Amino acid sequence: MKVFEKVVHEQVSTFLDNNQILSESQSGFRYGHSTDTAVICVSDFILDELAKGKYVGAVLVDLQKAFDTVDHKILLKKVFCYGVRDESFDWFQSYLSDREQCSVIDGCQSSMIKEEAYGVPQGSVLGPLLFLLYINDIFDCINQSKTFCHLYADDTIIVQSACSPISLKAGLEQQLVDISAWFYNNKLSVNTDKTEVIFFGRNKKVTECKNMPPVVFQNSEIENKSEVKYLGVIFDENMSWEKQASRVRSKAYLSLNKIRRISSLVDERTKNLLVNALVFPHLNYCLNSWSKLSAAALRKFDSLSRQINQIHPMNKNFRQLCDYSSALMTFKAINNLAPKYVCDRVNLVQSIHDHYTRLAAQNNLAMRQNRNRFEAKTFASSAVPIWNNLPGECRNAKSIMSFKTSARKHFFV
């Protein structure tokens, strides 16, 4: 059955991509998208608005068991409206109807239990894709010219910017009213106790926002936070990323200490495998966003790098990891291997000049003039000098594998 599901998944995904049905603001379960690209999208929007001198606030909406409460009747209506008709629609209707499940333990099978007409099939290949179709029209109820909204599957963040704290609060509450109506009509529930609001910017503006009455959502006051976690990355009020960096170092040190205890018992190859499997994933996760740290915060990673190299020489330090990750994402963006919202933020010189230039021939990125420290922290700005300083072999690579090979030589050898 799963083999057949994979065939259907490929056909439906191709249909959705060719007709651009899924929103660009949905990053979950999609080729080329990741938590890294989603966090880049959200953080760059916040930083861009702060650079303009705006008041910025965000609400992180927590859905209760979103995958388990999908209504099959509503889902089938949406599948039909998106263009799945005739025999294909009949197949989906049959796929979702009269489903049964049982448990098998040590050869003993339980009786069959009929599933309810709610929820996408657990453990199925098509389940995530069906959920994306179910939640896709949530963007129709959001005024995207005034409000930024991004989803990673059901992880929803709404960001609003305004010229005053009063306008900011009013804008957030209006969008929450609109989105609440969508949740009600689609039989999805919001956990208001876990829904959070945060205001971003310099201390003065954040304080002004906090002195306002609390944001209200579904007759409940939303707790105001000084830091929130979105897709596992900590966003703080000042967008300094220091809380995220501190958390990453703590996790990396914990894993490193475990490896150190057994380092005398294993060979060099095993040490290498353990460090790559247990330490570097913490450092690399969504690095393109939170690595824009102050010089003092960056220096705190130097000790970690030295301790890693004491266990097993890797010829890597944190700054090299940051630059390599940025260059790799830039390559993907230039070659349309990343989501459109990342590709649109990376501009080659030839794309903004009508005439031929030496920099265009070298495949350089267009330089940006940063208005302040917020804009300098965006991926769009910070990636430019890193990319332009790469050797031509890297910038002109024809495939991602050849780019990785040449970039590793440049950064790590």
Protein backbone atom coordinates (compact mmCIF):
# COMPACT_ATOMS: atom_id res chain seq x y z
CA MET A 1 0.00 0.00 0.00
CA LYS A 2 2.81 2.43 0.85
CA VAL A 3 4.39 1.92 -2.56
CA PHE A 4 1.10 2.90 -4.18
CA GLU A 5 0.81 5.87 -1.80
CA LYS A 6 4.26 7.07 -2.92
CA VAL A 7 3.12 6.97 -6.56
CA VAL A 8 -0.02 8.98 -5.71
CA HIS A 9 2.03 11.40 -3.58
CA GLU A 10 4.44 12.07 -6.44
CA GLN A 11 1.61 12.68 -8.91
CA VAL A 12 -0.33 14.98 -6.57
CA SER A 13 2.80 16.91 -5.55
CA THR A 14 3.70 17.48 -9.21
CA PHE A 15 0.15 18.69 -9.88
CA LEU A 16 0.27 21.07 -6.91
CA ASP A 17 3.69 22.45 -7.90
CA ASN A 18 2.84 22.88 -11.58
CA ASN A 19 -0.32 24.81 -10.69
CA GLN A 20 1.27 26.68 -7.75
CA ILE A 21 -1.57 25.66 -5.45
CA LEU A 22 0.28 25.47 -2.15
CA SER A 23 1.06 28.83 -0.58
CA GLU A 24 4.63 30.08 -0.72
CA SER A 25 4.29 30.75 3.02
CA GLN A 26 3.99 27.04 3.85
CA SER A 27 7.36 25.31 4.45
CA GLY A 28 6.33 21.97 5.92
CA PHE A 29 6.81 18.65 4.09
CA ARG A 30 7.90 20.30 0.83
CA TYR A 31 10.92 19.67 -1.37
CA GLY A 32 13.62 22.32 -0.98
CA HIS A 33 11.95 23.72 2.14
CA SER A 34 13.18 23.17 5.69
CA THR A 35 13.06 24.62 9.18
CA ASP A 36 16.22 26.51 8.20
CA THR A 37 14.52 28.28 5.29
CA ALA A 38 11.39 28.93 7.36
CA VAL A 39 13.38 30.58 10.16
CA ILE A 40 15.31 32.65 7.60
CA CYS A 41 12.00 33.85 6.15
CA VAL A 42 10.54 34.82 9.54
CA SER A 43 13.68 36.35 11.04
CA ASP A 44 14.53 38.37 7.92
CA PHE A 45 11.01 39.84 7.82
CA ILE A 46 11.23 40.87 11.48
CA LEU A 47 14.69 42.37 11.04
CA ASP A 48 13.68 44.23 7.87
CA GLU A 49 10.71 45.82 9.65
CA LEU A 50 12.86 46.75 12.66
CA ALA A 51 15.38 48.32 10.29
CA LYS A 52 12.59 50.60 9.05
CA GLY A 53 12.01 51.81 12.60
CA LYS A 54 8.66 50.00 12.98
CA TYR A 55 7.09 48.50 16.07
CA VAL A 56 7.00 44.74 15.52
CA GLY A 57 5.07 42.01 17.31
CA ALA A 58 4.41 38.32 16.69
CA VAL A 59 1.90 35.74 17.86
CA LEU A 60 2.79 32.05 17.87
CA VAL A 61 -0.46 30.11 17.58
CA ASP A 62 -0.58 26.66 19.19
CA LEU A 63 -3.05 24.23 17.61
CA GLN A 64 -4.42 21.30 19.60
CA LYS A 65 -3.80 17.96 17.87
CA ALA A 66 -4.16 19.55 14.45
CA PHE A 67 -3.36 16.37 12.48
CA ASP A 68 -5.85 14.33 14.51
CA THR A 69 -8.81 16.71 14.13
CA VAL A 70 -8.87 17.11 10.34
CA ASP A 71 -12.49 16.65 9.22
CA HIS A 72 -12.64 14.23 6.27
CA LYS A 73 -15.73 15.85 4.72
CA ILE A 74 -14.09 19.26 4.71
CA LEU A 75 -10.81 17.76 3.46
CA LEU A 76 -12.53 16.04 0.52
CA LYS A 77 -14.32 19.26 -0.42
CA LYS A 78 -10.98 21.04 -0.51
CA VAL A 79 -9.33 18.25 -2.51
CA PHE A 80 -12.17 18.56 -5.03
CA CYS A 81 -11.87 22.36 -5.20
CA TYR A 82 -8.12 22.13 -5.82
CA GLY A 83 -8.79 20.12 -8.98
CA VAL A 84 -8.78 16.45 -7.98
CA ARG A 85 -11.84 15.11 -9.80
CA ASP A 86 -13.51 11.98 -11.23
CA GLU A 87 -11.66 8.69 -10.58
CA SER A 88 -8.89 10.44 -8.68
CA PHE A 89 -11.38 12.00 -6.29
CA ASP A 90 -13.16 8.65 -5.84
CA TRP A 91 -9.83 7.10 -4.90
CA PHE A 92 -9.20 9.70 -2.18
CA GLN A 93 -12.74 9.26 -0.90
CA SER A 94 -12.21 5.50 -0.68
CA TYR A 95 -8.76 5.99 0.88
CA LEU A 96 -10.21 8.04 3.75
CA SER A 97 -13.40 6.00 4.28
CA ASP A 98 -13.98 2.92 6.45
CA ARG A 99 -10.40 2.71 7.67
CA GLU A 100 -9.61 0.12 10.35
CA GLN A 101 -6.57 -0.56 12.47
CA CYS A 102 -5.30 -3.17 14.91
CA SER A 103 -2.24 -3.89 17.04
CA VAL A 104 0.04 -6.91 16.74
CA ILE A 105 2.31 -7.88 19.68
CA ASP A 106 4.37 -11.07 19.67
CA GLY A 107 2.18 -12.56 16.95
CA CYS A 108 -1.06 -11.79 18.80
CA GLN A 109 -3.44 -9.52 16.91
CA SER A 110 -6.09 -7.36 18.54
CA SER A 111 -9.56 -6.94 17.10
CA MET A 112 -10.02 -4.41 14.31
CA ILE A 113 -11.13 -0.94 15.38
CA LYS A 114 -12.82 1.38 12.94
CA GLU A 115 -11.21 4.81 12.71
CA GLU A 116 -13.23 7.98 13.12
CA ALA A 117 -13.86 10.31 10.19
CA TYR A 118 -11.25 12.70 11.56
CA GLY A 119 -7.51 13.04 11.27
CA VAL A 120 -5.07 12.28 8.48
CA PRO A 121 -3.98 8.60 8.42
CA GLN A 122 -1.20 8.11 10.97
CA GLY A 123 2.12 6.89 9.60
CA SER A 124 0.96 7.20 6.01
CA VAL A 125 2.88 8.69 3.10
CA LEU A 126 -0.06 10.87 2.06
CA GLY A 127 -1.01 12.11 5.53
CA PRO A 128 1.31 15.17 5.63
CA LEU A 129 0.38 16.22 2.08
CA LEU A 130 -3.33 15.96 2.87
CA PHE A 131 -2.82 18.16 5.92
CA LEU A 132 -1.10 20.79 3.79
CA LEU A 133 -4.13 20.82 1.49
CA TYR A 134 -6.45 21.09 4.48
CA ILE A 135 -4.71 24.12 6.01
CA ASN A 136 -3.64 25.80 2.76
CA ASP A 137 -6.55 28.26 2.49
CA ILE A 138 -5.84 29.74 5.93
CA PHE A 139 -3.89 32.42 4.05
CA ASP A 140 -7.10 33.56 2.33
CA CYS A 141 -8.33 35.02 5.63
CA ILE A 142 -5.11 36.95 6.29
CA ASN A 143 -4.45 40.35 4.78
CA GLN A 144 -0.94 39.52 3.55
CA SER A 145 -0.33 43.08 2.37
CA LYS A 146 -0.44 44.19 6.03
CA THR A 147 0.43 41.04 7.96
CA PHE A 148 3.17 38.44 7.61
CA CYS A 149 2.17 34.83 8.30
CA HIS A 150 4.27 31.71 7.90
CA LEU A 151 3.49 28.06 8.53
CA TYR A 152 5.61 24.97 8.94
CA ALA A 153 2.84 22.36 8.74
CA ASP A 154 0.68 23.47 11.70
CA ASP A 155 3.31 25.68 13.41
CA THR A 156 1.83 29.12 12.79
CA ILE A 157 3.42 32.51 13.37
CA ILE A 158 1.77 35.84 12.64
CA VAL A 159 3.97 38.95 12.53
CA GLN A 160 2.66 42.51 12.44
CA SER A 161 4.50 45.81 12.08
CA ALA A 162 3.13 49.30 12.69
CA CYS A 163 4.13 52.89 13.35
CA SER A 164 2.76 52.89 16.91
CA PRO A 165 2.10 50.40 19.73
CA ILE A 166 -1.65 51.05 19.51
CA SER A 167 -1.76 50.25 15.77
CA LEU A 168 0.41 47.17 16.34
CA LYS A 169 -1.90 45.75 19.01
CA ALA A 170 -5.02 46.52 16.96
CA GLY A 171 -3.53 44.88 13.86
CA LEU A 172 -2.54 41.72 15.71
CA GLU A 173 -5.94 41.36 17.34
CA GLN A 174 -7.77 41.89 14.04
CA GLN A 175 -5.73 39.17 12.34
CA LEU A 176 -6.35 36.87 15.29
CA VAL A 177 -10.10 37.46 14.96
CA ASP A 178 -9.95 36.56 11.26
CA ILE A 179 -7.80 33.49 11.78
CA SER A 180 -9.96 32.36 14.71
CA ALA A 181 -13.01 32.31 12.41
CA TRP A 182 -11.06 30.11 9.97
CA PHE A 183 -10.12 27.67 12.75
CA TYR A 184 -13.75 27.48 13.88
CA ASN A 185 -15.07 26.82 10.36
CA ASN A 186 -12.45 24.14 9.80
CA LYS A 187 -12.98 22.47 13.19
CA LEU A 188 -9.46 23.09 14.48
CA SER A 189 -8.90 24.15 18.08
CA VAL A 190 -6.39 26.65 19.44
CA ASN A 191 -4.69 26.14 22.79
CA THR A 192 -4.78 29.74 24.05
CA ASP A 193 -2.77 28.77 27.15
CA LYS A 194 0.21 27.90 24.95
CA THR A 195 -0.30 30.66 22.39
CA GLU A 196 2.33 33.37 22.95
CA VAL A 197 2.98 36.97 21.94
CA ILE A 198 6.33 38.75 21.76
CA PHE A 199 7.38 42.27 20.80
CA PHE A 200 10.67 42.94 19.04
CA GLY A 201 13.00 45.91 18.81
CA ARG A 202 15.08 48.22 20.94
CA ASN A 203 14.34 48.28 24.66
CA LYS A 204 12.37 51.53 24.53
CA LYS A 205 9.94 50.33 21.88
CA VAL A 206 9.53 46.92 23.47
CA THR A 207 8.70 48.59 26.80
CA GLU A 208 6.10 50.80 25.11
CA CYS A 209 4.41 47.72 23.65
CA LYS A 210 4.49 45.85 26.96
CA ASN A 211 2.84 48.80 28.72
CA MET A 212 -0.20 48.38 26.47
CA PRO A 213 -3.13 46.19 27.62
CA PRO A 214 -2.53 42.49 26.79
CA VAL A 215 -3.38 41.13 23.34
CA VAL A 216 -6.70 39.23 23.50
CA PHE A 217 -7.40 36.08 21.49
CA GLN A 218 -10.67 34.13 21.78
CA ASN A 219 -11.57 36.07 24.95
CA SER A 220 -8.28 35.12 26.59
CA GLU A 221 -5.32 37.36 27.33
CA ILE A 222 -2.18 36.05 25.63
CA GLU A 223 0.90 35.82 27.79
CA ASN A 224 3.60 38.27 26.75
CA LYS A 225 7.02 36.65 26.48
CA SER A 226 10.52 38.08 26.41
CA GLU A 227 11.62 35.08 24.32
CA VAL A 228 9.77 32.45 22.30
CA LYS A 229 10.76 29.25 20.56
CA TYR A 230 9.79 28.86 16.90
CA LEU A 231 10.75 25.59 15.20
CA GLY A 232 13.28 24.96 17.94
CA VAL A 233 15.00 28.35 17.61
CA ILE A 234 14.80 30.94 20.40
CA PHE A 235 13.75 34.42 19.26
CA ASP A 236 14.50 37.10 21.86
CA GLU A 237 13.08 40.64 22.07
CA ASN A 238 16.22 42.35 20.75
CA MET A 239 16.90 39.74 18.05
CA SER A 240 20.36 39.29 19.51
CA TRP A 241 20.17 35.46 19.28
CA GLU A 242 22.25 35.19 22.47
CA LYS A 243 19.72 32.97 24.26
CA GLN A 244 19.71 30.61 21.27
CA ALA A 245 23.51 30.59 21.13
CA SER A 246 23.74 29.85 24.86
CA ARG A 247 21.30 26.95 24.49
CA VAL A 248 23.24 25.52 21.56
CA ARG A 249 26.54 25.69 23.45
CA SER A 250 24.99 23.95 26.46
CA LYS A 251 23.69 21.08 24.31
CA ALA A 252 26.97 20.80 22.41
CA TYR A 253 29.03 20.72 25.63
CA LEU A 254 26.72 18.06 27.09
CA SER A 255 27.25 15.81 24.07
CA LEU A 256 30.96 16.57 24.01
CA ASN A 257 31.39 15.57 27.67
CA LYS A 258 29.71 12.24 26.99
CA ILE A 259 32.12 11.57 24.12
CA ARG A 260 35.11 12.63 26.24
CA ARG A 261 34.27 9.99 28.88
CA ILE A 262 34.67 7.17 26.36
CA SER A 263 37.30 8.77 24.11
CA SER A 264 40.08 6.54 25.46
CA LEU A 265 38.06 3.43 24.57
CA VAL A 266 37.35 4.16 20.90
CA ASP A 267 39.46 4.76 17.80
CA GLU A 268 39.77 8.02 15.84
CA ARG A 269 37.19 7.02 13.23
CA THR A 270 34.58 6.38 15.92
CA LYS A 271 35.37 9.70 17.61
CA ASN A 272 34.85 11.43 14.29
CA LEU A 273 31.49 9.70 13.81
CA LEU A 274 30.37 10.57 17.34
CA VAL A 275 31.32 14.25 17.06
CA ASN A 276 29.58 14.57 13.68
CA ALA A 277 26.49 12.75 14.94
CA LEU A 278 26.11 14.26 18.43
CA VAL A 279 27.79 17.69 18.46
CA PHE A 280 27.65 19.33 15.03
CA PRO A 281 23.87 18.85 14.53
CA HIS A 282 23.32 21.26 17.45
CA LEU A 283 25.68 23.81 15.89
CA ASN A 284 24.34 23.49 12.35
CA TYR A 285 20.59 23.64 13.09
CA CYS A 286 19.12 26.81 11.49
CA LEU A 287 22.60 28.33 11.66
CA ASN A 288 21.91 30.79 8.84
CA SER A 289 19.64 32.84 11.10
CA TRP A 290 20.95 32.77 14.65
CA SER A 291 24.69 32.88 13.85
CA LYS A 292 24.51 36.68 13.36
CA LEU A 293 25.93 37.25 16.84
CA SER A 294 27.97 39.98 18.45
CA ALA A 295 31.77 39.58 18.49
CA ALA A 296 31.66 38.78 22.21
CA ALA A 297 29.02 36.09 21.69
CA LEU A 298 30.99 34.56 18.81
CA ARG A 299 34.14 34.34 20.94
CA LYS A 300 32.30 32.10 23.39
CA PHE A 301 32.28 29.41 20.69
CA ASP A 302 36.07 29.47 20.36
CA SER A 303 36.50 27.40 23.53
CA LEU A 304 33.97 24.87 22.27
CA SER A 305 35.86 24.58 18.98
CA ARG A 306 39.14 23.97 20.82
CA GLN A 307 37.58 21.24 22.96
CA ILE A 308 36.14 19.53 19.89
CA ASN A 309 39.57 19.53 18.25
CA GLN A 310 41.17 18.14 21.40
CA ILE A 311 38.98 15.06 21.14
CA HIS A 312 39.33 14.73 17.39
CA PRO A 313 41.04 17.27 15.09
CA MET A 314 38.36 18.47 12.65
CA ASN A 315 39.95 21.59 11.11
CA LYS A 316 36.65 23.32 11.77
CA ASN A 317 35.66 26.19 13.98
CA PHE A 318 32.33 27.89 14.53
CA ARG A 319 32.97 30.81 12.20
CA GLN A 320 33.91 28.45 9.38
CA LEU A 321 30.70 26.48 9.94
CA CYS A 322 28.68 29.72 9.79
CA ASP A 323 30.30 30.87 6.56
CA TYR A 324 30.00 27.46 4.89
CA SER A 325 26.32 27.19 5.82
CA SER A 326 25.63 30.69 4.49
CA ALA A 327 27.48 30.01 1.24
CA LEU A 328 25.62 26.73 0.72
CA MET A 329 22.21 28.37 1.21
CA THR A 330 23.24 31.17 -1.16
CA PHE A 331 24.21 28.64 -3.82
CA LYS A 332 20.81 26.97 -3.44
CA ALA A 333 19.06 30.34 -3.72
CA ILE A 334 20.98 31.39 -6.84
CA ASN A 335 20.23 28.06 -8.52
CA ASN A 336 16.55 27.93 -7.48
CA LEU A 337 17.11 24.97 -5.14
CA ALA A 338 15.61 26.90 -2.22
CA PRO A 339 12.07 28.24 -1.67
CA LYS A 340 11.06 31.31 -3.65
CA TYR A 341 11.01 33.44 -0.48
CA VAL A 342 14.76 32.79 -0.07
CA CYS A 343 15.65 33.00 -3.78
CA ASP A 344 13.99 36.42 -4.05
CA ARG A 345 16.30 37.82 -1.36
CA VAL A 346 19.52 36.91 -3.17
CA ASN A 347 20.36 39.11 -6.16
CA LEU A 348 23.25 38.56 -8.54
CA VAL A 349 24.88 41.65 -10.05
CA GLN A 350 23.69 40.77 -13.58
CA SER A 351 20.08 40.63 -12.38
CA ILE A 352 20.08 44.34 -11.47
CA HIS A 353 22.27 45.70 -14.31
CA ASP A 354 21.29 45.89 -17.97
CA HIS A 355 24.93 46.13 -19.02
CA TYR A 356 27.78 43.66 -18.71
CA THR A 357 30.12 44.20 -15.76
CA ARG A 358 33.21 42.47 -14.39
CA LEU A 359 31.38 41.59 -11.15
CA ALA A 360 28.53 40.05 -13.13
CA ALA A 361 31.00 37.85 -14.98
CA GLN A 362 32.35 36.69 -11.62
CA ASN A 363 28.86 35.66 -10.46
CA ASN A 364 28.95 38.14 -7.56
CA LEU A 365 26.04 39.20 -5.41
CA ALA A 366 24.89 42.81 -5.45
CA MET A 367 26.17 44.74 -2.45
CA ARG A 368 23.60 46.11 0.01
CA GLN A 369 23.71 49.28 2.08
CA ASN A 370 22.65 48.37 5.63
CA ARG A 371 20.64 51.02 7.42
CA ASN A 372 21.41 49.69 10.91
CA ARG A 373 22.41 46.60 12.90
CA PHE A 374 19.03 44.95 12.33
CA GLU A 375 19.37 44.95 8.55
CA ALA A 376 23.00 43.83 8.82
CA LYS A 377 21.79 40.68 10.62
CA THR A 378 19.47 39.55 7.82
CA PHE A 379 20.53 36.59 5.74
CA ALA A 380 20.11 38.73 2.62
CA SER A 381 22.79 41.16 3.84
CA SER A 382 25.19 38.93 5.73
CA ALA A 383 25.44 36.39 2.89
CA VAL A 384 26.81 38.93 0.37
CA PRO A 385 30.43 39.34 1.58
CA ILE A 386 30.73 35.63 2.35
CA TRP A 387 29.65 34.68 -1.17
CA ASN A 388 31.65 37.37 -2.96
CA ASN A 389 34.84 36.30 -1.17
CA LEU A 390 34.54 32.73 -2.43
CA PRO A 391 36.94 31.63 -5.18
CA GLY A 392 35.51 31.49 -8.70
CA GLU A 393 35.54 27.69 -8.60
CA CYS A 394 32.88 27.80 -5.89
CA ARG A 395 30.74 30.63 -7.28
CA ASN A 396 30.61 29.04 -10.74
CA ALA A 397 29.99 25.44 -9.63
CA LYS A 398 27.51 23.61 -11.86
CA SER A 399 26.03 21.27 -9.26
CA ILE A 400 25.46 21.26 -5.53
CA MET A 401 27.87 18.36 -5.08
CA SER A 402 30.70 20.15 -6.89
CA PHE A 403 29.94 23.30 -4.87
CA LYS A 404 30.10 21.38 -1.57
CA THR A 405 33.43 19.80 -2.57
CA SER A 406 35.08 23.09 -3.52
CA ALA A 407 33.51 25.03 -0.61
CA ARG A 408 34.75 22.49 1.95
CA LYS A 409 38.27 22.86 0.57
CA HIS A 410 37.96 26.63 0.86
CA PHE A 411 36.55 26.76 4.39
CA PHE A 412 37.92 23.68 6.15
CA VAL A 413 41.30 22.78 4.61
